[in-house]
Amino acid sequence: MIEFLQQFWNDLIEFFQVDRGVKIGSLLLAILLWLYVVTSNTYVYEMRVPLEVINVQPGKTLAEKVPDRVRARLRGSGITYFKTKLSLAYSDMALRLDVRRIDTAEQFYLPQYVQDHPNNFIIPRGLNLELVEVVSPERVEISLDKMAVKQVKVVPQIEIKLTPGYTRVGSINIAPDSVRIRGPVSRVREIDSVFTEKVELAQVDNNIDGSADIRFPEPELIDAAVNSIRYSAEVQPISERRITDIPVDTRSAPGNLQVTTAPSTVSLTVEGGSKYIYELRPSDIDVYFDYVEDWEPNKSNYVPHVEIPESVLRYRDMTPARVEVMVVRR
C-alpha cells in the first residue's frame, strides 16, 4: 500500500511537470464548476438558532433557565447555507417566544408554535431561506417570578504572591465592595455575596491596580448594572525600625486601686513596609498590663502584652523585656 501511494505521488508530480499551467487551470476550472453545481442545488439542513424570550410582564423575570438555542431545519440553496453559516453570529435570525400573556408558567410546543406564529421565527432579509421545522427541543417551559433587587457584598478572589523582601501594606481594596443584583425573588433571597473571578499575581514588587469580573450565580437569571470591580493594594519593601518611648498602659484596674508600671515606657523593633513603619508612631502600638487577667499577689515583674497594627509583620527585642507593676490603694 505504501509503495502504491508513493508511486501515485511520483506519477502525479510527473504529470504536472509537463504543460503545468494548462493542467492547473483545468483543475481549477473543474473545481469551480463543481462548486457552482453544489451551491446551486437546494438542500435541507439543520442549524442552531438563538431562542429569545420577549415581552415579559413588567416587574417579572424568568424563574428558570431556558435553552439559549434551538435546532431547526431550513431549506435553501448551498450558497445561502454558506452565507448563513458565516453571518449567523451577526444576524438577527432567532426564534422569539412571546410571553406577554403568561402570568406564572406555560409550556410551549415549538413545532405548533412556529406554525401558529410564523413571523416569530425571524429570518433576516437577503437570506433566501425557508423554515421546515423546529427539531429540538420539542417543548420549552417558561416560568416567571417576581423581579427582586438586593444589595450584596463582593468577595474578591485575588491572590498576590510577593517577591521575597516585599510585603503588602493593608488589605486589598476593591471598588465597589457591594453591588445591587436583580433576578427572580426565589433566587435572589438566597444570595448574600458574589465572588470575583480568580486573579493570581506573581513576583509582585510594586503597588498593584487592576480589574476583575464578577461571577454571578446562574448568570442567565441573575445580573447587575455593575459587572466588574477595580482592585488595588500597596506593596513596599520590608524594612525595620527601632521605636522608643512606647507608653505602657494599665487596664481593668478596680476603682479603689492605682496601678502603675516601672518603667512607664518600652522600646522595640518592628518589621514591615519601609514607608509604613517610617510613619508609625509610638502611640500606634499597644503595650499594656491587664490587672484582671495578669495580676498575681506574690508577683511584681510581668511581661506586658503587645498589640501591633495589622500591617506590621512582627516585632522583637522589647526593652525592657519585663516591667515592674505597683498596686496601691487610693
Protein backbone atom coordinates (compact mmCIF):
# COMPACT_ATOMS: atom_id res chain seq x y z
CA MET A 1 0.00 0.00 0.00
CA ILE A 2 2.78 2.41 0.91
CA GLU A 3 4.60 1.60 -2.35
CA PHE A 4 1.39 2.23 -4.30
CA LEU A 5 0.87 5.63 -2.68
CA GLN A 6 4.48 6.57 -3.26
CA GLN A 7 4.21 5.60 -6.93
CA PHE A 8 0.94 7.51 -7.27
CA TRP A 9 2.54 10.62 -5.79
CA ASN A 10 5.52 10.38 -8.13
CA ASP A 11 3.23 9.93 -11.14
CA LEU A 12 1.18 12.97 -10.06
CA ILE A 13 4.28 15.16 -9.77
CA GLU A 14 5.49 13.94 -13.16
CA PHE A 15 2.05 14.65 -14.67
CA PHE A 16 2.12 18.31 -13.60
CA GLN A 17 5.69 18.86 -14.75
CA VAL A 18 4.52 18.92 -18.39
CA ASP A 19 2.12 21.72 -19.51
CA ARG A 20 1.78 22.72 -15.86
CA GLY A 21 -0.21 25.92 -16.48
CA VAL A 22 -2.82 24.27 -18.68
CA LYS A 23 -3.34 21.36 -16.29
CA ILE A 24 -3.59 23.53 -13.16
CA GLY A 25 -6.01 25.85 -14.94
CA SER A 26 -8.15 22.90 -15.98
CA LEU A 27 -8.18 21.58 -12.42
CA LEU A 28 -9.26 24.96 -11.02
CA LEU A 29 -12.00 25.25 -13.64
CA ALA A 30 -13.29 21.78 -12.71
CA ILE A 31 -13.36 22.75 -9.03
CA LEU A 32 -15.25 25.98 -9.80
CA LEU A 33 -17.80 24.09 -11.91
CA TRP A 34 -18.27 21.56 -9.10
CA LEU A 35 -18.78 24.37 -6.57
CA TYR A 36 -21.30 26.06 -8.86
CA VAL A 37 -23.35 22.89 -9.19
CA VAL A 38 -23.15 22.11 -5.47
CA THR A 39 -24.07 25.62 -4.30
CA SER A 40 -26.91 25.99 -6.82
CA ASN A 41 -28.77 22.93 -5.57
CA THR A 42 -31.43 23.20 -2.88
CA TYR A 43 -30.79 21.47 0.44
CA VAL A 44 -32.45 20.93 3.78
CA TYR A 45 -30.01 21.39 6.65
CA GLU A 46 -30.04 21.85 10.40
CA MET A 47 -28.84 24.97 12.19
CA ARG A 48 -28.66 26.13 15.80
CA VAL A 49 -30.76 29.26 16.06
CA PRO A 50 -30.89 31.66 19.08
CA LEU A 51 -34.02 31.42 21.25
CA GLU A 52 -35.27 34.75 22.63
CA VAL A 53 -37.97 35.35 25.24
CA ILE A 54 -39.76 38.64 24.61
CA ASN A 55 -42.49 40.79 26.20
CA VAL A 56 -42.05 39.63 29.82
CA GLN A 57 -44.59 41.45 32.00
CA PRO A 58 -43.23 44.47 33.93
CA GLY A 59 -41.98 43.54 37.40
CA LYS A 60 -41.41 39.92 36.43
CA THR A 61 -38.48 37.88 35.11
CA LEU A 62 -37.60 34.33 34.13
CA ALA A 63 -37.59 31.99 37.14
CA GLU A 64 -35.87 29.07 35.39
CA LYS A 65 -33.26 28.76 32.67
CA VAL A 66 -34.43 28.22 29.11
CA PRO A 67 -32.35 26.87 26.21
CA ASP A 68 -30.36 29.61 24.53
CA ARG A 69 -30.68 27.91 21.12
CA VAL A 70 -32.94 25.54 19.22
CA ARG A 71 -32.14 23.16 16.36
CA ALA A 72 -34.15 23.94 13.26
CA ARG A 73 -34.31 22.53 9.72
CA LEU A 74 -34.19 25.12 6.96
CA ARG A 75 -34.44 24.85 3.17
CA GLY A 76 -32.24 26.87 0.85
CA SER A 77 -29.53 26.79 -1.75
CA GLY A 78 -25.99 25.74 -0.98
CA ILE A 79 -24.68 29.29 -1.40
CA THR A 80 -27.32 30.56 1.04
CA TYR A 81 -26.22 27.93 3.54
CA PHE A 82 -22.61 29.12 3.38
CA LYS A 83 -23.68 32.76 3.69
CA THR A 84 -25.84 31.90 6.71
CA LYS A 85 -23.10 29.94 8.49
CA LEU A 86 -20.70 32.81 8.02
CA SER A 87 -23.09 35.53 9.19
CA LEU A 88 -25.33 33.85 11.79
CA ALA A 89 -23.41 35.23 14.76
CA TYR A 90 -24.02 38.77 13.46
CA SER A 91 -27.54 38.38 12.06
CA ASP A 92 -30.96 38.72 13.60
CA MET A 93 -32.03 35.12 12.94
CA ALA A 94 -33.92 33.90 16.03
CA LEU A 95 -36.98 32.14 17.34
CA ARG A 96 -38.84 34.55 19.61
CA LEU A 97 -41.22 33.29 22.30
CA ASP A 98 -43.81 35.93 23.12
CA VAL A 99 -44.79 35.53 26.81
CA ARG A 100 -46.89 38.66 27.26
CA ARG A 101 -49.96 36.61 28.28
CA ILE A 102 -48.11 34.41 30.79
CA ASP A 103 -48.61 35.19 34.48
CA THR A 104 -46.81 32.28 36.15
CA ALA A 105 -45.88 29.41 33.83
CA GLU A 106 -46.68 27.88 30.47
CA GLN A 107 -45.32 25.15 28.22
CA PHE A 108 -44.62 25.91 24.56
CA TYR A 109 -44.84 23.11 21.97
CA LEU A 110 -42.39 24.60 19.48
CA PRO A 111 -43.46 22.84 16.23
CA GLN A 112 -47.02 24.06 16.78
CA TYR A 113 -45.89 27.47 17.99
CA VAL A 114 -43.95 28.28 14.80
CA GLN A 115 -46.93 27.16 12.72
CA ASP A 116 -49.26 29.47 14.66
CA HIS A 117 -46.75 32.35 14.78
CA PRO A 118 -44.57 32.09 11.67
CA ASN A 119 -43.50 35.73 11.97
CA ASN A 120 -41.79 34.93 15.30
CA PHE A 121 -39.17 32.86 13.51
CA ILE A 122 -37.01 35.67 12.25
CA ILE A 123 -35.05 35.16 9.02
CA PRO A 124 -33.00 38.22 8.03
CA ARG A 125 -33.65 39.89 4.73
CA GLY A 126 -31.34 38.80 1.96
CA LEU A 127 -31.27 35.17 3.10
CA ASN A 128 -33.44 33.07 0.79
CA LEU A 129 -34.31 30.51 3.46
CA GLU A 130 -37.49 28.69 4.39
CA LEU A 131 -38.18 27.16 7.80
CA VAL A 132 -39.06 23.47 7.53
CA GLU A 133 -39.48 22.61 11.22
CA VAL A 134 -38.05 23.05 14.70
CA VAL A 135 -36.32 19.80 15.62
CA SER A 136 -35.37 20.25 19.27
CA PRO A 137 -36.22 20.90 21.94
CA GLU A 138 -39.78 19.90 21.22
CA ARG A 139 -41.11 21.72 24.30
CA VAL A 140 -39.92 24.70 26.32
CA GLU A 141 -41.25 25.51 29.79
CA ILE A 142 -41.43 29.20 30.65
CA SER A 143 -41.70 30.03 34.38
CA LEU A 144 -41.95 33.60 35.64
CA ASP A 145 -41.31 35.05 39.08
CA LYS A 146 -41.39 38.48 40.65
CA MET A 147 -38.30 40.59 39.98
CA ALA A 148 -36.25 41.21 43.14
CA VAL A 149 -33.37 43.61 43.80
CA LYS A 150 -30.81 43.21 46.61
CA GLN A 151 -27.51 44.77 47.67
CA VAL A 152 -24.88 42.08 48.26
CA LYS A 153 -21.20 42.03 49.23
CA VAL A 154 -18.49 41.46 46.63
CA VAL A 155 -15.82 38.95 47.74
CA PRO A 156 -12.54 39.33 45.83
CA GLN A 157 -10.64 36.20 44.82
CA ILE A 158 -7.25 37.83 44.31
CA GLU A 159 -4.04 36.05 45.26
CA ILE A 160 -0.86 38.10 45.48
CA LYS A 161 2.49 36.30 45.59
CA LEU A 162 5.11 38.83 46.62
CA THR A 163 8.73 38.94 45.60
CA PRO A 164 10.93 37.99 48.60
CA GLY A 165 11.77 41.10 50.61
CA TYR A 166 8.42 42.82 49.95
CA THR A 167 5.16 42.99 51.90
CA ARG A 168 1.62 44.16 51.32
CA VAL A 169 0.59 47.11 53.48
CA GLY A 170 -3.08 46.94 54.45
CA SER A 171 -5.77 44.89 52.80
CA ILE A 172 -6.73 44.61 49.15
CA ASN A 173 -9.06 47.48 48.34
CA ILE A 174 -11.96 46.92 45.95
CA ALA A 175 -14.47 49.31 44.45
CA PRO A 176 -17.33 48.82 44.55
CA ASP A 177 -17.38 46.49 47.54
CA SER A 178 -21.05 45.68 47.00
CA VAL A 179 -23.43 45.52 44.05
CA ARG A 180 -27.17 45.57 43.55
CA ILE A 181 -28.20 42.30 41.93
CA ARG A 182 -31.54 41.60 40.29
CA GLY A 183 -33.36 38.44 39.35
CA PRO A 184 -36.22 36.15 40.41
CA VAL A 185 -37.09 36.59 44.07
CA SER A 186 -36.74 32.82 44.69
CA ARG A 187 -33.03 33.02 43.71
CA VAL A 188 -32.10 36.50 44.92
CA ARG A 189 -33.20 35.92 48.52
CA GLU A 190 -30.66 33.06 48.82
CA ILE A 191 -27.67 35.21 47.76
CA ASP A 192 -25.72 37.25 50.32
CA SER A 193 -22.47 37.71 48.38
CA VAL A 194 -20.95 37.31 44.95
CA PHE A 195 -17.37 36.44 44.03
CA THR A 196 -14.97 37.89 41.51
CA GLU A 197 -13.10 35.79 39.01
CA LYS A 198 -9.84 34.32 40.30
CA VAL A 199 -6.82 36.59 39.78
CA GLU A 200 -3.30 35.34 40.54
CA LEU A 201 -0.40 37.80 40.58
CA ALA A 202 3.17 36.51 40.98
CA GLN A 203 6.51 38.16 41.76
CA VAL A 204 4.85 41.40 42.83
CA ASP A 205 7.25 44.13 44.00
CA ASN A 206 5.16 47.25 43.37
CA ASN A 207 1.72 48.66 44.01
CA ILE A 208 -1.00 46.80 42.11
CA ASP A 209 -4.07 48.15 40.36
CA GLY A 210 -6.39 46.18 38.11
CA SER A 211 -9.90 44.98 37.37
CA ALA A 212 -11.74 41.69 37.81
CA ASP A 213 -15.10 40.49 36.51
CA ILE A 214 -17.83 39.50 38.94
CA ARG A 215 -19.06 35.92 38.60
CA PHE A 216 -22.80 35.81 39.23
CA PRO A 217 -24.50 32.54 40.18
CA GLU A 218 -26.84 31.48 37.37
CA PRO A 219 -25.92 34.42 35.11
CA GLU A 220 -28.85 33.57 32.82
CA LEU A 221 -31.15 34.67 35.68
CA ILE A 222 -29.04 36.94 37.91
CA ASP A 223 -27.31 40.11 36.78
CA ALA A 224 -26.34 43.60 37.96
CA ALA A 225 -25.69 47.01 36.48
CA VAL A 226 -22.05 46.68 37.58
CA ASN A 227 -20.25 43.57 36.30
CA SER A 228 -16.64 44.21 37.41
CA ILE A 229 -14.60 45.77 40.23
CA ARG A 230 -11.33 47.65 40.50
CA TYR A 231 -8.78 46.33 42.98
CA SER A 232 -5.63 47.88 44.41
CA ALA A 233 -3.05 47.16 47.07
CA GLU A 234 0.05 48.90 48.38
CA VAL A 235 3.31 46.94 48.24
CA GLN A 236 6.51 48.11 49.93
CA PRO A 237 9.99 46.68 50.53
CA ILE A 238 10.43 45.20 54.01
CA SER A 239 12.46 47.26 56.45
CA GLU A 240 12.88 47.53 60.22
CA ARG A 241 12.85 50.39 62.71
CA ARG A 242 13.50 50.86 66.39
CA ILE A 243 10.63 52.65 68.12
CA THR A 244 11.20 54.16 71.56
CA ASP A 245 9.05 55.73 74.26
CA ILE A 246 6.07 53.45 73.73
CA PRO A 247 3.76 54.04 76.71
CA VAL A 248 2.82 51.05 78.90
CA ASP A 249 -0.87 51.22 79.69
CA THR A 250 -2.75 49.56 82.57
CA ARG A 251 -6.20 48.09 82.12
CA SER A 252 -9.05 46.59 84.13
CA ALA A 253 -7.89 48.00 87.48
CA PRO A 254 -10.60 48.28 90.19
CA GLY A 255 -11.63 51.84 91.04
CA ASN A 256 -10.10 51.66 94.52
CA LEU A 257 -6.64 50.70 93.21
CA GLN A 258 -3.98 52.70 91.44
CA VAL A 259 -1.86 50.54 89.10
CA THR A 260 1.37 51.85 87.59
CA THR A 261 4.41 50.34 85.88
CA ALA A 262 8.12 51.00 86.07
CA PRO A 263 9.37 51.93 83.63
CA SER A 264 6.32 53.59 82.07
CA THR A 265 7.64 53.19 78.50
CA VAL A 266 9.39 50.50 76.47
CA SER A 267 11.25 50.25 73.16
CA LEU A 268 11.04 47.58 70.49
CA THR A 269 11.96 46.87 66.86
CA VAL A 270 9.25 46.44 64.23
CA GLU A 271 9.43 44.99 60.73
CA GLY A 272 7.14 45.95 57.86
CA GLY A 273 6.76 48.07 54.76
CA SER A 274 9.51 50.70 54.73
CA LYS A 275 7.25 53.71 54.21
CA TYR A 276 4.60 52.41 56.60
CA ILE A 277 6.86 51.78 59.60
CA TYR A 278 8.68 55.09 58.98
CA GLU A 279 5.37 56.87 59.65
CA LEU A 280 4.50 54.66 62.66
CA ARG A 281 4.15 56.49 65.98
CA PRO A 282 4.71 55.06 69.49
CA SER A 283 1.01 55.52 70.25
CA ASP A 284 0.13 53.22 67.32
CA ILE A 285 1.49 50.23 69.29
CA ASP A 286 -0.46 48.98 72.32
CA VAL A 287 1.69 47.80 75.23
CA TYR A 288 -0.32 47.13 78.39
CA PHE A 289 -0.75 45.24 81.66
CA ASP A 290 -4.22 43.82 82.31
CA TYR A 291 -4.93 43.69 86.06
CA VAL A 292 -7.82 41.20 85.87
CA GLU A 293 -6.00 38.87 83.50
CA ASP A 294 -2.41 39.13 84.78
CA TRP A 295 -2.29 40.16 88.47
CA GLU A 296 -0.82 37.68 90.96
CA PRO A 297 -0.46 38.71 94.63
CA ASN A 298 3.12 37.49 95.08
CA LYS A 299 4.45 38.63 91.72
CA SER A 300 5.83 42.06 90.78
CA ASN A 301 7.53 41.71 87.36
CA TYR A 302 5.45 40.99 84.28
CA VAL A 303 5.87 40.64 80.54
CA PRO A 304 3.41 43.19 79.15
CA HIS A 305 1.03 42.46 76.30
CA VAL A 306 1.96 43.87 72.90
CA GLU A 307 -0.55 44.50 70.10
CA ILE A 308 0.90 45.73 66.82
CA PRO A 309 -1.02 47.14 63.84
CA GLU A 310 -2.11 44.60 61.25
CA SER A 311 0.34 45.90 58.64
CA VAL A 312 3.36 45.37 60.91
CA LEU A 313 4.83 41.96 60.15
CA ARG A 314 6.41 41.32 63.54
CA TYR A 315 8.20 42.89 66.48
CA ARG A 316 11.23 41.84 68.51
CA ASP A 317 13.80 42.95 71.11
CA MET A 318 11.45 44.70 73.51
CA THR A 319 13.42 46.62 76.14
CA PRO A 320 12.93 46.09 78.98
CA ALA A 321 11.50 42.62 78.50
CA ARG A 322 9.61 42.92 81.81
CA VAL A 323 8.12 45.79 83.78
CA GLU A 324 7.51 46.17 87.49
CA VAL A 325 3.83 46.55 88.39
CA MET A 326 2.96 48.54 91.52
CA VAL A 327 -0.51 48.45 93.05
CA VAL A 328 -1.58 50.84 95.83
CA ARG A 329 -4.96 51.70 97.33
CA ARG A 330 -6.31 55.13 96.56
